[in-house]
Amino acid sequence: MCLGIPMQIIDIDGFNALCEAKGVRREASLYLLQGEEVALGDFVMVHVGYAIQKMNESDARSAWELHDEILASGAGSA
């Protein structure tokens, strides 16, 4: 299963961003978002190291709520 994770941009260096979600920080490439303006504080969907789309804070929080429910139910375990 492929899964994108909503993360907030906390630093930008060229086409690379440091993103954070729930205390976890990861670097993500902004290369696929060249046509969009991205800034500190923006939320992006991160998949395999690439920010694949911008999203609003409400959608990011809703996605995290769904992820938390899946993990709590045990459905995410193999």
N, C-alpha and C. Protein backbone atom coordinates (compact mmCIF):
# COMPACT_ATOMS: atom_id res chain seq x y z
N MET A 1 0.84 -1.17 0.00
CA MET A 1 0.00 0.00 0.00
C MET A 1 0.89 1.23 0.00
N CYS A 2 0.55 2.21 -0.80
CA CYS A 2 1.26 3.49 -0.85
C CYS A 2 0.51 4.48 0.02
N LEU A 3 1.26 5.29 0.74
CA LEU A 3 0.63 6.21 1.66
C LEU A 3 1.35 7.54 1.65
N GLY A 4 0.62 8.61 1.45
CA GLY A 4 1.17 9.95 1.56
C GLY A 4 0.89 10.47 2.96
N ILE A 5 1.83 11.23 3.50
CA ILE A 5 1.70 11.74 4.85
C ILE A 5 1.63 13.27 4.80
N PRO A 6 0.62 13.87 5.39
CA PRO A 6 0.56 15.33 5.44
C PRO A 6 1.60 15.85 6.42
N MET A 7 2.38 16.84 5.97
CA MET A 7 3.43 17.41 6.80
C MET A 7 3.45 18.93 6.60
N GLN A 8 3.98 19.62 7.60
CA GLN A 8 4.09 21.08 7.53
C GLN A 8 5.54 21.46 7.24
N ILE A 9 5.71 22.40 6.32
CA ILE A 9 7.06 22.85 5.96
C ILE A 9 7.59 23.78 7.05
N ILE A 10 8.78 23.44 7.58
CA ILE A 10 9.37 24.27 8.62
C ILE A 10 10.67 24.95 8.16
N ASP A 11 11.22 24.52 7.02
CA ASP A 11 12.39 25.16 6.45
C ASP A 11 12.47 24.83 4.97
N ILE A 12 12.95 25.78 4.18
CA ILE A 12 13.09 25.57 2.73
C ILE A 12 14.49 25.98 2.33
N ASP A 13 15.12 25.10 1.53
CA ASP A 13 16.44 25.38 0.96
C ASP A 13 16.40 24.95 -0.51
N GLY A 14 16.13 25.91 -1.38
CA GLY A 14 16.00 25.58 -2.81
C GLY A 14 14.79 24.70 -3.05
N PHE A 15 15.03 23.52 -3.65
CA PHE A 15 13.94 22.57 -3.90
C PHE A 15 13.80 21.53 -2.79
N ASN A 16 14.45 21.76 -1.66
CA ASN A 16 14.35 20.84 -0.52
C ASN A 16 13.66 21.53 0.65
N ALA A 17 12.83 20.78 1.34
CA ALA A 17 12.13 21.32 2.49
C ALA A 17 12.30 20.38 3.68
N LEU A 18 12.41 20.96 4.85
CA LEU A 18 12.35 20.18 6.08
C LEU A 18 10.90 20.26 6.53
N CYS A 19 10.28 19.10 6.69
CA CYS A 19 8.86 19.04 7.03
C CYS A 19 8.69 18.31 8.36
N GLU A 20 7.58 18.60 9.02
CA GLU A 20 7.33 17.99 10.32
C GLU A 20 5.87 17.57 10.43
N ALA A 21 5.67 16.44 11.09
CA ALA A 21 4.33 15.96 11.41
C ALA A 21 4.41 15.14 12.69
N LYS A 22 3.65 15.53 13.67
CA LYS A 22 3.58 14.81 14.94
C LYS A 22 4.96 14.61 15.57
N GLY A 23 5.81 15.62 15.47
CA GLY A 23 7.12 15.56 16.08
C GLY A 23 8.19 14.86 15.26
N VAL A 24 7.80 14.32 14.11
CA VAL A 24 8.76 13.63 13.23
C VAL A 24 9.14 14.58 12.11
N ARG A 25 10.44 14.71 11.88
CA ARG A 25 10.93 15.59 10.82
C ARG A 25 11.54 14.77 9.70
N ARG A 26 11.25 15.18 8.48
CA ARG A 26 11.80 14.53 7.29
C ARG A 26 12.10 15.58 6.25
N GLU A 27 13.10 15.30 5.41
CA GLU A 27 13.36 16.15 4.26
C GLU A 27 12.49 15.67 3.12
N ALA A 28 11.99 16.62 2.35
CA ALA A 28 11.16 16.30 1.19
C ALA A 28 11.55 17.20 0.04
N SER A 29 11.57 16.63 -1.15
CA SER A 29 11.85 17.41 -2.35
C SER A 29 10.61 18.19 -2.77
N LEU A 30 10.81 19.44 -3.14
CA LEU A 30 9.72 20.27 -3.65
C LEU A 30 9.71 20.29 -5.17
N TYR A 31 10.52 19.46 -5.78
CA TYR A 31 10.70 19.45 -7.23
C TYR A 31 9.37 19.30 -7.98
N LEU A 32 8.48 18.47 -7.48
CA LEU A 32 7.21 18.22 -8.17
C LEU A 32 6.21 19.37 -8.01
N LEU A 33 6.52 20.33 -7.15
CA LEU A 33 5.63 21.47 -6.93
C LEU A 33 6.18 22.75 -7.53
N GLN A 34 7.00 22.62 -8.57
CA GLN A 34 7.63 23.80 -9.16
C GLN A 34 6.63 24.84 -9.66
N GLY A 35 5.45 24.43 -10.06
CA GLY A 35 4.45 25.36 -10.57
C GLY A 35 3.65 26.06 -9.49
N GLU A 36 3.88 25.70 -8.22
CA GLU A 36 3.13 26.28 -7.11
C GLU A 36 4.07 27.03 -6.18
N GLU A 37 3.55 28.07 -5.58
CA GLU A 37 4.33 28.80 -4.58
C GLU A 37 4.17 28.09 -3.24
N VAL A 38 5.29 27.71 -2.65
CA VAL A 38 5.25 27.09 -1.33
C VAL A 38 6.05 27.96 -0.36
N ALA A 39 5.60 27.99 0.89
CA ALA A 39 6.22 28.85 1.88
C ALA A 39 6.27 28.13 3.22
N LEU A 40 7.07 28.68 4.13
CA LEU A 40 7.12 28.14 5.48
C LEU A 40 5.71 28.13 6.07
N GLY A 41 5.39 27.04 6.74
CA GLY A 41 4.07 26.91 7.35
C GLY A 41 3.05 26.22 6.48
N ASP A 42 3.32 26.09 5.18
CA ASP A 42 2.39 25.39 4.28
C ASP A 42 2.36 23.90 4.62
N PHE A 43 1.23 23.28 4.34
CA PHE A 43 1.08 21.84 4.49
C PHE A 43 1.18 21.19 3.13
N VAL A 44 1.91 20.07 3.07
CA VAL A 44 2.07 19.33 1.82
C VAL A 44 1.88 17.84 2.10
N MET A 45 1.46 17.12 1.07
CA MET A 45 1.37 15.67 1.15
C MET A 45 2.72 15.12 0.70
N VAL A 46 3.38 14.33 1.56
CA VAL A 46 4.71 13.79 1.27
C VAL A 46 4.59 12.29 1.01
N HIS A 47 5.16 11.88 -0.12
CA HIS A 47 5.16 10.47 -0.51
C HIS A 47 6.56 10.11 -1.01
N VAL A 48 7.17 9.11 -0.41
CA VAL A 48 8.52 8.63 -0.73
C VAL A 48 9.52 9.77 -0.94
N GLY A 49 9.49 10.75 -0.04
CA GLY A 49 10.48 11.82 -0.08
C GLY A 49 10.16 12.99 -0.97
N TYR A 50 8.98 12.99 -1.58
CA TYR A 50 8.58 14.09 -2.46
C TYR A 50 7.28 14.72 -1.96
N ALA A 51 7.23 16.04 -1.93
CA ALA A 51 5.97 16.74 -1.68
C ALA A 51 5.19 16.66 -3.00
N ILE A 52 4.03 16.02 -2.96
CA ILE A 52 3.30 15.79 -4.21
C ILE A 52 2.13 16.74 -4.41
N GLN A 53 1.69 17.42 -3.34
CA GLN A 53 0.64 18.42 -3.48
C GLN A 53 0.57 19.28 -2.24
N LYS A 54 0.13 20.51 -2.43
CA LYS A 54 -0.15 21.37 -1.28
C LYS A 54 -1.54 21.02 -0.77
N MET A 55 -1.75 21.27 0.50
CA MET A 55 -3.06 21.03 1.09
C MET A 55 -3.29 22.07 2.19
N ASN A 56 -4.54 22.25 2.55
CA ASN A 56 -4.80 23.20 3.63
C ASN A 56 -4.69 22.50 4.98
N GLU A 57 -4.58 23.29 6.03
CA GLU A 57 -4.38 22.74 7.37
C GLU A 57 -5.53 21.83 7.80
N SER A 58 -6.73 22.19 7.45
CA SER A 58 -7.90 21.39 7.82
C SER A 58 -7.82 19.99 7.20
N ASP A 59 -7.48 19.90 5.92
CA ASP A 59 -7.34 18.60 5.26
C ASP A 59 -6.20 17.79 5.86
N ALA A 60 -5.11 18.46 6.20
CA ALA A 60 -3.97 17.76 6.82
C ALA A 60 -4.39 17.17 8.16
N ARG A 61 -5.08 17.94 8.98
CA ARG A 61 -5.51 17.45 10.29
C ARG A 61 -6.54 16.32 10.16
N SER A 62 -7.44 16.42 9.19
CA SER A 62 -8.41 15.35 8.95
C SER A 62 -7.71 14.06 8.55
N ALA A 63 -6.70 14.17 7.70
CA ALA A 63 -5.95 12.98 7.30
C ALA A 63 -5.25 12.36 8.49
N TRP A 64 -4.65 13.18 9.37
CA TRP A 64 -3.99 12.63 10.55
C TRP A 64 -4.98 11.95 11.47
N GLU A 65 -6.18 12.49 11.61
CA GLU A 65 -7.21 11.84 12.44
C GLU A 65 -7.54 10.46 11.89
N LEU A 66 -7.65 10.35 10.56
CA LEU A 66 -7.92 9.04 9.95
C LEU A 66 -6.76 8.07 10.17
N HIS A 67 -5.53 8.55 10.00
CA HIS A 67 -4.36 7.70 10.24
C HIS A 67 -4.36 7.21 11.69
N ASP A 68 -4.65 8.11 12.63
CA ASP A 68 -4.67 7.74 14.05
C ASP A 68 -5.74 6.67 14.33
N GLU A 69 -6.91 6.81 13.70
CA GLU A 69 -7.98 5.83 13.89
C GLU A 69 -7.56 4.46 13.36
N ILE A 70 -6.92 4.44 12.20
CA ILE A 70 -6.47 3.17 11.62
C ILE A 70 -5.45 2.51 12.53
N LEU A 71 -4.48 3.29 13.02
CA LEU A 71 -3.46 2.73 13.90
C LEU A 71 -4.06 2.24 15.22
N ALA A 72 -5.03 2.98 15.77
CA ALA A 72 -5.65 2.59 17.03
C ALA A 72 -6.46 1.31 16.89
N SER A 73 -7.02 1.08 15.70
CA SER A 73 -7.86 -0.10 15.50
C SER A 73 -7.02 -1.36 15.28
N GLY A 74 -5.72 -1.17 15.01
CA GLY A 74 -4.88 -2.32 14.73
C GLY A 74 -4.92 -2.74 13.28
N ALA A 75 -5.71 -2.06 12.47
CA ALA A 75 -5.83 -2.42 11.05
C ALA A 75 -4.55 -2.14 10.28
N GLY A 76 -3.69 -1.30 10.81
CA GLY A 76 -2.45 -0.97 10.13
C GLY A 76 -1.34 -1.98 10.37
N SER A 77 -1.57 -2.96 11.24
CA SER A 77 -0.53 -3.95 11.52
C SER A 77 -0.65 -5.15 10.60
N ALA A 78 0.49 -5.75 10.33
CA ALA A 78 0.52 -6.89 9.40
C ALA A 78 0.35 -8.19 10.13
